[in-house]
């Protein structure tokens, strides 16, 4: 069962066949924003977590081919943080204090 010590992605990995490589990606971007590919003229970042470097490279290639910027955040255990931060971001979308967000926001890392 899912708990604060694990993530949905980690739970999937537990029940997936041993030959499967589970990668967490695309959960930090809302669907309409992902479809647009940009927010305020900035390309979107896609945060990627997984234990297989080869699988993460494949997801990164698909991400880059879509015009998005893949960011490897490390092993699959980091998917807990990716899921948690989106709970905060989703809460902001429904907050009356942030009416202008309209579900078209995104997380981005600026160097």
PDB file of N, CA and C in Angstrom:
ATOM      1  N   UNK A   1       0.833  -1.191   0.000  1.00  0.00           N
ATOM      2  CA  UNK A   1       0.000   0.000   0.000  1.00  0.00           C
ATOM      3  C   UNK A   1       0.871   1.246   0.000  1.00  0.00           C
ATOM      4  N   UNK A   2       0.377   2.272  -0.632  1.00  0.00           N
ATOM      5  CA  UNK A   2       1.092   3.537  -0.723  1.00  0.00           C
ATOM      6  C   UNK A   2       1.097   4.221   0.640  1.00  0.00           C
ATOM      7  N   UNK A   3       2.226   4.808   1.004  1.00  0.00           N
ATOM      8  CA  UNK A   3       2.337   5.541   2.266  1.00  0.00           C
ATOM      9  C   UNK A   3       3.280   6.718   2.066  1.00  0.00           C
ATOM     10  N   UNK A   4       3.505   7.479   3.122  1.00  0.00           N
ATOM     11  CA  UNK A   4       4.416   8.621   3.017  1.00  0.00           C
ATOM     12  C   UNK A   4       5.859   8.185   2.817  1.00  0.00           C
ATOM     13  N   UNK A   5       6.169   6.924   3.103  1.00  0.00           N
ATOM     14  CA  UNK A   5       7.536   6.437   2.949  1.00  0.00           C
ATOM     15  C   UNK A   5       7.821   5.933   1.542  1.00  0.00           C
ATOM     16  N   UNK A   6       6.812   5.881   0.705  1.00  0.00           N
ATOM     17  CA  UNK A   6       6.988   5.351  -0.642  1.00  0.00           C
ATOM     18  C   UNK A   6       6.210   6.227  -1.621  1.00  0.00           C
ATOM     19  N   UNK A   7       6.291   5.887  -2.884  1.00  0.00           N
ATOM     20  CA  UNK A   7       5.572   6.629  -3.920  1.00  0.00           C
ATOM     21  C   UNK A   7       4.749   5.645  -4.742  1.00  0.00           C
ATOM     22  N   UNK A   8       3.851   6.183  -5.519  1.00  0.00           N
ATOM     23  CA  UNK A   8       3.079   5.333  -6.422  1.00  0.00           C
ATOM     24  C   UNK A   8       4.030   4.622  -7.386  1.00  0.00           C
ATOM     25  N   UNK A   9       5.023   5.330  -7.898  1.00  0.00           N
ATOM     26  CA  UNK A   9       5.984   4.718  -8.823  1.00  0.00           C
ATOM     27  C   UNK A   9       6.730   3.563  -8.161  1.00  0.00           C
ATOM     28  N   UNK A  10       7.112   3.723  -6.914  1.00  0.00           N
ATOM     29  CA  UNK A  10       7.796   2.643  -6.203  1.00  0.00           C
ATOM     30  C   UNK A  10       6.867   1.454  -5.992  1.00  0.00           C
ATOM     31  N   UNK A  11       5.602   1.721  -5.738  1.00  0.00           N
ATOM     32  CA  UNK A  11       4.638   0.636  -5.568  1.00  0.00           C
ATOM     33  C   UNK A  11       4.441  -0.116  -6.880  1.00  0.00           C
ATOM     34  N   UNK A  12       4.412   0.606  -7.987  1.00  0.00           N
ATOM     35  CA  UNK A  12       4.321  -0.038  -9.299  1.00  0.00           C
ATOM     36  C   UNK A  12       5.545  -0.925  -9.522  1.00  0.00           C
ATOM     37  N   UNK A  13       6.722  -0.418  -9.185  1.00  0.00           N
ATOM     38  CA  UNK A  13       7.956  -1.191  -9.366  1.00  0.00           C
ATOM     39  C   UNK A  13       7.932  -2.490  -8.560  1.00  0.00           C
ATOM     40  N   UNK A  14       7.298  -2.467  -7.397  1.00  0.00           N
ATOM     41  CA  UNK A  14       7.227  -3.672  -6.560  1.00  0.00           C
ATOM     42  C   UNK A  14       6.432  -4.792  -7.218  1.00  0.00           C
ATOM     43  N   UNK A  15       5.396  -4.435  -7.964  1.00  0.00           N
ATOM     44  CA  UNK A  15       4.530  -5.455  -8.558  1.00  0.00           C
ATOM     45  C   UNK A  15       4.803  -5.694 -10.044  1.00  0.00           C
ATOM     46  N   UNK A  16       5.642  -4.887 -10.640  1.00  0.00           N
ATOM     47  CA  UNK A  16       5.983  -5.051 -12.055  1.00  0.00           C
ATOM     48  C   UNK A  16       6.904  -6.257 -12.223  1.00  0.00           C
ATOM     49  N   UNK A  17       6.912  -6.838 -13.408  1.00  0.00           N
ATOM     50  CA  UNK A  17       7.850  -7.937 -13.659  1.00  0.00           C
ATOM     51  C   UNK A  17       9.288  -7.481 -13.413  1.00  0.00           C
ATOM     52  N   UNK A  18      10.142  -8.396 -13.012  1.00  0.00           N
ATOM     53  CA  UNK A  18      11.539  -8.064 -12.713  1.00  0.00           C
ATOM     54  C   UNK A  18      12.241  -7.431 -13.907  1.00  0.00           C
ATOM     55  N   UNK A  19      11.791  -7.747 -15.105  1.00  0.00           N
ATOM     56  CA  UNK A  19      12.420  -7.204 -16.315  1.00  0.00           C
ATOM     57  C   UNK A  19      11.980  -5.771 -16.623  1.00  0.00           C
ATOM     58  N   UNK A  20      10.979  -5.276 -15.916  1.00  0.00           N
ATOM     59  CA  UNK A  20      10.457  -3.926 -16.182  1.00  0.00           C
ATOM     60  C   UNK A  20      11.311  -2.861 -15.506  1.00  0.00           C
ATOM     61  N   UNK A  21      11.441  -1.744 -16.183  1.00  0.00           N
ATOM     62  CA  UNK A  21      12.113  -0.569 -15.612  1.00  0.00           C
ATOM     63  C   UNK A  21      11.062   0.518 -15.425  1.00  0.00           C
ATOM     64  N   UNK A  22      10.810   0.882 -14.191  1.00  0.00           N
ATOM     65  CA  UNK A  22       9.804   1.902 -13.895  1.00  0.00           C
ATOM     66  C   UNK A  22      10.490   3.262 -13.831  1.00  0.00           C
ATOM     67  N   UNK A  23       9.928   4.218 -14.547  1.00  0.00           N
ATOM     68  CA  UNK A  23      10.456   5.581 -14.575  1.00  0.00           C
ATOM     69  C   UNK A  23       9.313   6.535 -14.252  1.00  0.00           C
ATOM     70  N   UNK A  24       9.571   7.469 -13.361  1.00  0.00           N
ATOM     71  CA  UNK A  24       8.585   8.503 -13.016  1.00  0.00           C
ATOM     72  C   UNK A  24       8.906   9.733 -13.857  1.00  0.00           C
ATOM     73  N   UNK A  25       7.915  10.220 -14.594  1.00  0.00           N
ATOM     74  CA  UNK A  25       8.116  11.415 -15.416  1.00  0.00           C
ATOM     75  C   UNK A  25       6.757  12.020 -15.756  1.00  0.00           C
ATOM     76  N   UNK A  26       6.757  13.264 -16.122  1.00  0.00           N
ATOM     77  CA  UNK A  26       5.581  13.984 -16.613  1.00  0.00           C
ATOM     78  C   UNK A  26       4.524  14.270 -15.549  1.00  0.00           C
ATOM     79  N   UNK A  27       4.750  13.926 -14.289  1.00  0.00           N
ATOM     80  CA  UNK A  27       3.714  14.182 -13.291  1.00  0.00           C
ATOM     81  C   UNK A  27       3.777  15.600 -12.730  1.00  0.00           C
ATOM     82  N   UNK A  28       4.801  16.360 -13.063  1.00  0.00           N
ATOM     83  CA  UNK A  28       4.905  17.718 -12.525  1.00  0.00           C
ATOM     84  C   UNK A  28       4.401  18.769 -13.512  1.00  0.00           C
ATOM     85  N   UNK A  29       3.697  18.317 -14.536  1.00  0.00           N
ATOM     86  CA  UNK A  29       3.158  19.230 -15.537  1.00  0.00           C
ATOM     87  C   UNK A  29       1.694  18.891 -15.771  1.00  0.00           C
ATOM     88  N   UNK A  30       0.839  19.880 -15.747  1.00  0.00           N
ATOM     89  CA  UNK A  30      -0.579  19.659 -15.997  1.00  0.00           C
ATOM     90  C   UNK A  30      -0.798  19.354 -17.479  1.00  0.00           C
ATOM     91  N   UNK A  31      -1.830  18.587 -17.830  1.00  0.00           N
ATOM     92  CA  UNK A  31      -2.034  18.169 -19.221  1.00  0.00           C
ATOM     93  C   UNK A  31      -2.082  19.312 -20.238  1.00  0.00           C
ATOM     94  N   UNK A  32      -2.839  20.350 -19.973  1.00  0.00           N
ATOM     95  CA  UNK A  32      -2.934  21.451 -20.943  1.00  0.00           C
ATOM     96  C   UNK A  32      -1.593  22.158 -21.109  1.00  0.00           C
ATOM     97  N   UNK A  33      -0.871  22.294 -20.013  1.00  0.00           N
ATOM     98  CA  UNK A  33       0.446  22.924 -20.068  1.00  0.00           C
ATOM     99  C   UNK A  33       1.407  22.048 -20.853  1.00  0.00           C
ATOM    100  N   UNK A  34       1.340  20.754 -20.628  1.00  0.00           N
ATOM    101  CA  UNK A  34       2.191  19.812 -21.348  1.00  0.00           C
ATOM    102  C   UNK A  34       1.898  19.856 -22.841  1.00  0.00           C
ATOM    103  N   UNK A  35       0.631  19.929 -23.186  1.00  0.00           N
ATOM    104  CA  UNK A  35       0.250  20.008 -24.592  1.00  0.00           C
ATOM    105  C   UNK A  35       0.784  21.289 -25.230  1.00  0.00           C
ATOM    106  N   UNK A  36       0.718  22.398 -24.508  1.00  0.00           N
ATOM    107  CA  UNK A  36       1.220  23.674 -25.030  1.00  0.00           C
ATOM    108  C   UNK A  36       2.740  23.657 -25.153  1.00  0.00           C
ATOM    109  N   UNK A  37       3.414  22.963 -24.236  1.00  0.00           N
ATOM    110  CA  UNK A  37       4.873  22.857 -24.295  1.00  0.00           C
ATOM    111  C   UNK A  37       5.623  24.023 -23.691  1.00  0.00           C
ATOM    112  N   UNK A  38       4.918  25.099 -23.387  1.00  0.00           N
ATOM    113  CA  UNK A  38       5.562  26.290 -22.828  1.00  0.00           C
ATOM    114  C   UNK A  38       4.627  26.966 -21.833  1.00  0.00           C
ATOM    115  N   UNK A  39       5.230  27.697 -20.911  1.00  0.00           N
ATOM    116  CA  UNK A  39       4.497  28.590 -20.016  1.00  0.00           C
ATOM    117  C   UNK A  39       5.251  29.907 -20.030  1.00  0.00           C
ATOM    118  N   UNK A  40       4.553  30.977 -20.311  1.00  0.00           N
ATOM    119  CA  UNK A  40       5.170  32.309 -20.380  1.00  0.00           C
ATOM    120  C   UNK A  40       6.389  32.315 -21.301  1.00  0.00           C
ATOM    121  N   UNK A  41       6.281  31.595 -22.410  1.00  0.00           N
ATOM    122  CA  UNK A  41       7.362  31.560 -23.387  1.00  0.00           C
ATOM    123  C   UNK A  41       8.527  30.653 -23.030  1.00  0.00           C
ATOM    124  N   UNK A  42       8.460  29.999 -21.892  1.00  0.00           N
ATOM    125  CA  UNK A  42       9.548  29.122 -21.436  1.00  0.00           C
ATOM    126  C   UNK A  42       9.183  27.660 -21.701  1.00  0.00           C
ATOM    127  N   UNK A  43      10.129  26.914 -22.281  1.00  0.00           N
ATOM    128  CA  UNK A  43       9.912  25.479 -22.469  1.00  0.00           C
ATOM    129  C   UNK A  43       9.786  24.811 -21.110  1.00  0.00           C
ATOM    130  N   UNK A  44       9.042  23.740 -21.068  1.00  0.00           N
ATOM    131  CA  UNK A  44       8.780  23.041 -19.816  1.00  0.00           C
ATOM    132  C   UNK A  44       9.917  22.109 -19.423  1.00  0.00           C
ATOM    133  N   UNK A  45      10.106  21.955 -18.123  1.00  0.00           N
ATOM    134  CA  UNK A  45      11.021  20.962 -17.573  1.00  0.00           C
ATOM    135  C   UNK A  45      10.215  19.716 -17.234  1.00  0.00           C
ATOM    136  N   UNK A  46      10.785  18.563 -17.524  1.00  0.00           N
ATOM    137  CA  UNK A  46      10.182  17.288 -17.148  1.00  0.00           C
ATOM    138  C   UNK A  46      11.168  16.591 -16.225  1.00  0.00           C
ATOM    139  N   UNK A  47      10.759  16.378 -14.998  1.00  0.00           N
ATOM    140  CA  UNK A  47      11.617  15.747 -13.999  1.00  0.00           C
ATOM    141  C   UNK A  47      11.463  14.235 -14.105  1.00  0.00           C
ATOM    142  N   UNK A  48      12.601  13.543 -14.140  1.00  0.00           N
ATOM    143  CA  UNK A  48      12.628  12.103 -14.399  1.00  0.00           C
ATOM    144  C   UNK A  48      13.360  11.398 -13.268  1.00  0.00           C
ATOM    145  N   UNK A  49      12.710  10.372 -12.700  1.00  0.00           N
ATOM    146  CA  UNK A  49      13.324   9.571 -11.637  1.00  0.00           C
ATOM    147  C   UNK A  49      13.229   8.098 -12.014  1.00  0.00           C
ATOM    148  N   UNK A  50      14.301   7.361 -11.773  1.00  0.00           N
ATOM    149  CA  UNK A  50      14.284   5.929 -12.058  1.00  0.00           C
ATOM    150  C   UNK A  50      15.602   5.295 -11.681  1.00  0.00           C
ATOM    151  N   UNK A  51      15.573   3.989 -11.530  1.00  0.00           N
ATOM    152  CA  UNK A  51      16.781   3.260 -11.149  1.00  0.00           C
ATOM    153  C   UNK A  51      17.577   2.760 -12.349  1.00  0.00           C
ATOM    154  N   UNK A  52      16.977   2.754 -13.523  1.00  0.00           N
ATOM    155  CA  UNK A  52      17.653   2.291 -14.737  1.00  0.00           C
ATOM    156  C   UNK A  52      18.103   3.497 -15.562  1.00  0.00           C
ATOM    157  N   UNK A  53      19.405   3.645 -15.710  1.00  0.00           N
ATOM    158  CA  UNK A  53      19.928   4.760 -16.516  1.00  0.00           C
ATOM    159  C   UNK A  53      19.463   4.636 -17.960  1.00  0.00           C
ATOM    160  N   UNK A  54      19.437   3.413 -18.480  1.00  0.00           N
ATOM    161  CA  UNK A  54      19.009   3.192 -19.861  1.00  0.00           C
ATOM    162  C   UNK A  54      17.546   3.607 -20.047  1.00  0.00           C
ATOM    163  N   UNK A  55      16.693   3.239 -19.118  1.00  0.00           N
ATOM    164  CA  UNK A  55      15.275   3.613 -19.215  1.00  0.00           C
ATOM    165  C   UNK A  55      15.105   5.125 -19.104  1.00  0.00           C
ATOM    166  N   UNK A  56      15.851   5.754 -18.200  1.00  0.00           N
ATOM    167  CA  UNK A  56      15.755   7.213 -18.063  1.00  0.00           C
ATOM    168  C   UNK A  56      16.250   7.909 -19.327  1.00  0.00           C
ATOM    169  N   UNK A  57      17.275   7.349 -19.972  1.00  0.00           N
ATOM    170  CA  UNK A  57      17.765   7.934 -21.226  1.00  0.00           C
ATOM    171  C   UNK A  57      16.696   7.873 -22.308  1.00  0.00           C
ATOM    172  N   UNK A  58      15.951   6.767 -22.365  1.00  0.00           N
ATOM    173  CA  UNK A  58      14.870   6.645 -23.353  1.00  0.00           C
ATOM    174  C   UNK A  58      13.780   7.680 -23.091  1.00  0.00           C
ATOM    175  N   UNK A  59      13.386   7.819 -21.841  1.00  0.00           N
ATOM    176  CA  UNK A  59      12.359   8.812 -21.493  1.00  0.00           C
ATOM    177  C   UNK A  59      12.880  10.222 -21.776  1.00  0.00           C
ATOM    178  N   UNK A  60      14.142  10.461 -21.491  1.00  0.00           N
ATOM    179  CA  UNK A  60      14.746  11.773 -21.769  1.00  0.00           C
ATOM    180  C   UNK A  60      14.737  12.075 -23.258  1.00  0.00           C
ATOM    181  N   UNK A  61      15.014  11.068 -24.088  1.00  0.00           N
ATOM    182  CA  UNK A  61      15.022  11.267 -25.536  1.00  0.00           C
ATOM    183  C   UNK A  61      13.626  11.624 -26.045  1.00  0.00           C
ATOM    184  N   UNK A  62      12.613  10.938 -25.559  1.00  0.00           N
ATOM    185  CA  UNK A  62      11.229  11.242 -25.950  1.00  0.00           C
ATOM    186  C   UNK A  62      10.858  12.654 -25.494  1.00  0.00           C
ATOM    187  N   UNK A  63      11.266  12.992 -24.288  1.00  0.00           N
ATOM    188  CA  UNK A  63      10.982  14.315 -23.728  1.00  0.00           C
ATOM    189  C   UNK A  63      11.618  15.410 -24.579  1.00  0.00           C
ATOM    190  N   UNK A  64      12.891  15.244 -24.893  1.00  0.00           N
ATOM    191  CA  UNK A  64      13.605  16.237 -25.699  1.00  0.00           C
ATOM    192  C   UNK A  64      13.018  16.338 -27.106  1.00  0.00           C
ATOM    193  N   UNK A  65      12.629  15.200 -27.683  1.00  0.00           N
ATOM    194  CA  UNK A  65      12.040  15.204 -29.023  1.00  0.00           C
ATOM    195  C   UNK A  65      10.721  15.973 -29.048  1.00  0.00           C
ATOM    196  N   UNK A  66      10.059  16.055 -27.910  1.00  0.00           N
ATOM    197  CA  UNK A  66       8.802  16.805 -27.807  1.00  0.00           C
ATOM    198  C   UNK A  66       9.042  18.293 -27.544  1.00  0.00           C
ATOM    199  N   UNK A  67      10.311  18.705 -27.501  1.00  0.00           N
ATOM    200  CA  UNK A  67      10.626  20.112 -27.271  1.00  0.00           C
ATOM    201  C   UNK A  67      10.644  20.507 -25.809  1.00  0.00           C
ATOM    202  N   UNK A  68      10.713  19.525 -24.928  1.00  0.00           N
ATOM    203  CA  UNK A  68      10.740  19.770 -23.490  1.00  0.00           C
ATOM    204  C   UNK A  68      12.137  19.480 -22.958  1.00  0.00           C
ATOM    205  N   UNK A  69      12.435  19.976 -21.765  1.00  0.00           N
ATOM    206  CA  UNK A  69      13.769  19.779 -21.196  1.00  0.00           C
ATOM    207  C   UNK A  69      13.722  18.692 -20.117  1.00  0.00           C
ATOM    208  N   UNK A  70      14.364  17.540 -20.392  1.00  0.00           N
ATOM    209  CA  UNK A  70      14.407  16.487 -19.378  1.00  0.00           C
ATOM    210  C   UNK A  70      15.417  16.819 -18.285  1.00  0.00           C
ATOM    211  N   UNK A  71      15.028  16.565 -17.033  1.00  0.00           N
ATOM    212  CA  UNK A  71      15.936  16.762 -15.904  1.00  0.00           C
ATOM    213  C   UNK A  71      15.920  15.488 -15.063  1.00  0.00           C
ATOM    214  N   UNK A  72      17.057  14.816 -15.026  1.00  0.00           N
ATOM    215  CA  UNK A  72      17.200  13.589 -14.243  1.00  0.00           C
ATOM    216  C   UNK A  72      17.376  13.977 -12.780  1.00  0.00           C
ATOM    217  N   UNK A  73      16.425  13.551 -11.942  1.00  0.00           N
ATOM    218  CA  UNK A  73      16.496  13.890 -10.519  1.00  0.00           C
ATOM    219  C   UNK A  73      17.048  12.746  -9.676  1.00  0.00           C
ATOM    220  N   UNK A  74      17.415  11.644 -10.320  1.00  0.00           N
ATOM    221  CA  UNK A  74      18.036  10.552  -9.585  1.00  0.00           C
ATOM    222  C   UNK A  74      17.216   9.281  -9.568  1.00  0.00           C
ATOM    223  N   UNK A  75      17.424   8.467  -8.528  1.00  0.00           N
ATOM    224  CA  UNK A  75      16.777   7.153  -8.460  1.00  0.00           C
ATOM    225  C   UNK A  75      15.267   7.250  -8.240  1.00  0.00           C
ATOM    226  N   UNK A  76      14.608   6.123  -8.397  1.00  0.00           N
ATOM    227  CA  UNK A  76      13.153   6.077  -8.287  1.00  0.00           C
ATOM    228  C   UNK A  76      12.653   6.558  -6.931  1.00  0.00           C
ATOM    229  N   UNK A  77      13.444   6.406  -5.894  1.00  0.00           N
ATOM    230  CA  UNK A  77      13.005   6.871  -4.570  1.00  0.00           C
ATOM    231  C   UNK A  77      12.733   8.373  -4.560  1.00  0.00           C
ATOM    232  N   UNK A  78      13.315   9.125  -5.494  1.00  0.00           N
ATOM    233  CA  UNK A  78      13.059  10.575  -5.591  1.00  0.00           C
ATOM    234  C   UNK A  78      11.656  10.870  -6.102  1.00  0.00           C
ATOM    235  N   UNK A  79      10.979   9.857  -6.623  1.00  0.00           N
ATOM    236  CA  UNK A  79       9.605  10.073  -7.092  1.00  0.00           C
ATOM    237  C   UNK A  79       8.677  10.462  -5.947  1.00  0.00           C
ATOM    238  N   UNK A  80       9.051  10.122  -4.717  1.00  0.00           N
ATOM    239  CA  UNK A  80       8.257  10.567  -3.560  1.00  0.00           C
ATOM    240  C   UNK A  80       8.194  12.084  -3.527  1.00  0.00           C
ATOM    241  N   UNK A  81       9.339  12.721  -3.730  1.00  0.00           N
ATOM    242  CA  UNK A  81       9.379  14.186  -3.707  1.00  0.00           C
ATOM    243  C   UNK A  81       8.626  14.781  -4.893  1.00  0.00           C
ATOM    244  N   UNK A  82       8.724  14.132  -6.060  1.00  0.00           N
ATOM    245  CA  UNK A  82       7.998  14.635  -7.228  1.00  0.00           C
ATOM    246  C   UNK A  82       6.490  14.586  -6.987  1.00  0.00           C
ATOM    247  N   UNK A  83       6.026  13.511  -6.373  1.00  0.00           N
ATOM    248  CA  UNK A  83       4.598  13.414  -6.066  1.00  0.00           C
ATOM    249  C   UNK A  83       4.195  14.437  -5.006  1.00  0.00           C
ATOM    250  N   UNK A  84       5.026  14.616  -3.999  1.00  0.00           N
ATOM    251  CA  UNK A  84       4.700  15.540  -2.906  1.00  0.00           C
ATOM    252  C   UNK A  84       4.652  16.995  -3.382  1.00  0.00           C
ATOM    253  N   UNK A  85       5.601  17.400  -4.206  1.00  0.00           N
ATOM    254  CA  UNK A  85       5.618  18.800  -4.651  1.00  0.00           C
ATOM    255  C   UNK A  85       4.381  19.112  -5.486  1.00  0.00           C
ATOM    256  N   UNK A  86       3.883  18.120  -6.207  1.00  0.00           N
ATOM    257  CA  UNK A  86       2.690  18.378  -7.004  1.00  0.00           C
ATOM    258  C   UNK A  86       1.448  18.552  -6.140  1.00  0.00           C
ATOM    259  N   UNK A  87       1.427  17.964  -4.966  1.00  0.00           N
ATOM    260  CA  UNK A  87       0.311  18.218  -4.053  1.00  0.00           C
ATOM    261  C   UNK A  87       0.286  19.692  -3.653  1.00  0.00           C
ATOM    262  N   UNK A  88       1.460  20.264  -3.449  1.00  0.00           N
ATOM    263  CA  UNK A  88       1.557  21.692  -3.123  1.00  0.00           C
ATOM    264  C   UNK A  88       1.102  22.528  -4.315  1.00  0.00           C
ATOM    265  N   UNK A  89       1.608  22.207  -5.505  1.00  0.00           N
ATOM    266  CA  UNK A  89       1.272  22.972  -6.706  1.00  0.00           C
ATOM    267  C   UNK A  89      -0.228  22.871  -7.004  1.00  0.00           C
ATOM    268  N   UNK A  90      -0.803  21.689  -6.864  1.00  0.00           N
ATOM    269  CA  UNK A  90      -2.242  21.533  -7.102  1.00  0.00           C
ATOM    270  C   UNK A  90      -3.049  22.338  -6.095  1.00  0.00           C
ATOM    271  N   UNK A  91      -2.588  22.386  -4.858  1.00  0.00           N
ATOM    272  CA  UNK A  91      -3.265  23.196  -3.851  1.00  0.00           C
ATOM    273  C   UNK A  91      -3.268  24.669  -4.210  1.00  0.00           C
ATOM    274  N   UNK A  92      -2.189  25.135  -4.812  1.00  0.00           N
ATOM    275  CA  UNK A  92      -2.128  26.536  -5.240  1.00  0.00           C
ATOM    276  C   UNK A  92      -3.138  26.825  -6.345  1.00  0.00           C
ATOM    277  N   UNK A  93      -3.394  25.843  -7.198  1.00  0.00           N
ATOM    278  CA  UNK A  93      -4.316  26.048  -8.318  1.00  0.00           C
ATOM    279  C   UNK A  93      -5.741  26.309  -7.840  1.00  0.00           C
ATOM    280  N   UNK A  94      -6.109  25.738  -6.711  1.00  0.00           N
ATOM    281  CA  UNK A  94      -7.484  25.880  -6.216  1.00  0.00           C
ATOM    282  C   UNK A  94      -7.607  26.921  -5.110  1.00  0.00           C
ATOM    283  N   UNK A  95      -6.514  27.566  -4.772  1.00  0.00           N
ATOM    284  CA  UNK A  95      -6.526  28.571  -3.717  1.00  0.00           C
ATOM    285  C   UNK A  95      -7.130  29.877  -4.225  1.00  0.00           C
ATOM    286  N   UNK A  96      -8.076  30.468  -3.487  1.00  0.00           N
ATOM    287  CA  UNK A  96      -8.638  31.751  -3.909  1.00  0.00           C
ATOM    288  C   UNK A  96      -7.599  32.868  -3.926  1.00  0.00           C
ATOM    289  N   UNK A  97      -6.489  32.665  -3.255  1.00  0.00           N
ATOM    290  CA  UNK A  97      -5.423  33.667  -3.248  1.00  0.00           C
ATOM    291  C   UNK A  97      -4.630  33.680  -4.552  1.00  0.00           C
ATOM    292  N   UNK A  98      -4.800  32.646  -5.369  1.00  0.00           N
ATOM    293  CA  UNK A  98      -4.041  32.529  -6.619  1.00  0.00           C
ATOM    294  C   UNK A  98      -4.980  32.243  -7.788  1.00  0.00           C
ATOM    295  N   UNK A  99      -5.990  33.044  -7.941  1.00  0.00           N
ATOM    296  CA  UNK A  99      -6.995  32.819  -8.980  1.00  0.00           C
ATOM    297  C   UNK A  99      -6.418  32.858 -10.388  1.00  0.00           C
ATOM    298  N   UNK A 100      -5.296  33.517 -10.573  1.00  0.00           N
ATOM    299  CA  UNK A 100      -4.716  33.662 -11.910  1.00  0.00           C
ATOM    300  C   UNK A 100      -3.937  32.428 -12.368  1.00  0.00           C
ATOM    301  N   UNK A 101      -3.784  31.411 -11.524  1.00  0.00           N
ATOM    302  CA  UNK A 101      -2.987  30.242 -11.912  1.00  0.00           C
ATOM    303  C   UNK A 101      -3.701  29.384 -12.957  1.00  0.00           C
ATOM    304  N   UNK A 102      -4.983  29.122 -12.800  1.00  0.00           N
ATOM    305  CA  UNK A 102      -5.799  28.451 -13.817  1.00  0.00           C
ATOM    306  C   UNK A 102      -5.247  27.133 -14.350  1.00  0.00           C
ATOM    307  N   UNK A 103      -4.552  26.382 -13.559  1.00  0.00           N
ATOM    308  CA  UNK A 103      -4.042  25.062 -13.948  1.00  0.00           C
ATOM    309  C   UNK A 103      -3.089  25.116 -15.139  1.00  0.00           C
ATOM    310  N   UNK A 104      -2.513  26.255 -15.417  1.00  0.00           N
ATOM    311  CA  UNK A 104      -1.563  26.340 -16.531  1.00  0.00           C
ATOM    312  C   UNK A 104      -0.189  26.792 -16.050  1.00  0.00           C
ATOM    313  N   UNK A 105       0.187  26.337 -14.872  1.00  0.00           N
ATOM    314  CA  UNK A 105       1.502  26.650 -14.329  1.00  0.00           C
ATOM    315  C   UNK A 105       2.424  25.445 -14.521  1.00  0.00           C
ATOM    316  N   UNK A 106       3.694  25.644 -14.236  1.00  0.00           N
ATOM    317  CA  UNK A 106       4.666  24.554 -14.347  1.00  0.00           C
ATOM    318  C   UNK A 106       5.839  24.832 -13.418  1.00  0.00           C
ATOM    319  N   UNK A 107       6.542  23.785 -13.064  1.00  0.00           N
ATOM    320  CA  UNK A 107       7.783  23.925 -12.299  1.00  0.00           C
ATOM    321  C   UNK A 107       8.932  24.020 -13.290  1.00  0.00           C
ATOM    322  N   UNK A 108       9.863  24.912 -13.021  1.00  0.00           N
ATOM    323  CA  UNK A 108      11.017  25.068 -13.916  1.00  0.00           C
ATOM    324  C   UNK A 108      12.237  25.368 -13.070  1.00  0.00           C
ATOM    325  N   UNK A 109      13.355  24.797 -13.473  1.00  0.00           N
ATOM    326  CA  UNK A 109      14.640  25.053 -12.829  1.00  0.00           C
ATOM    327  C   UNK A 109      15.403  26.059 -13.688  1.00  0.00           C
ATOM    328  N   UNK A 110      15.797  27.149 -13.088  1.00  0.00           N
ATOM    329  CA  UNK A 110      16.599  28.139 -13.801  1.00  0.00           C
ATOM    330  C   UNK A 110      18.036  28.031 -13.325  1.00  0.00           C
ATOM    331  N   UNK A 111      18.972  27.856 -14.261  1.00  0.00           N
ATOM    332  CA  UNK A 111      20.388  27.732 -13.861  1.00  0.00           C
ATOM    333  C   UNK A 111      20.946  29.044 -13.334  1.00  0.00           C
TER     334      UNK A 111
END
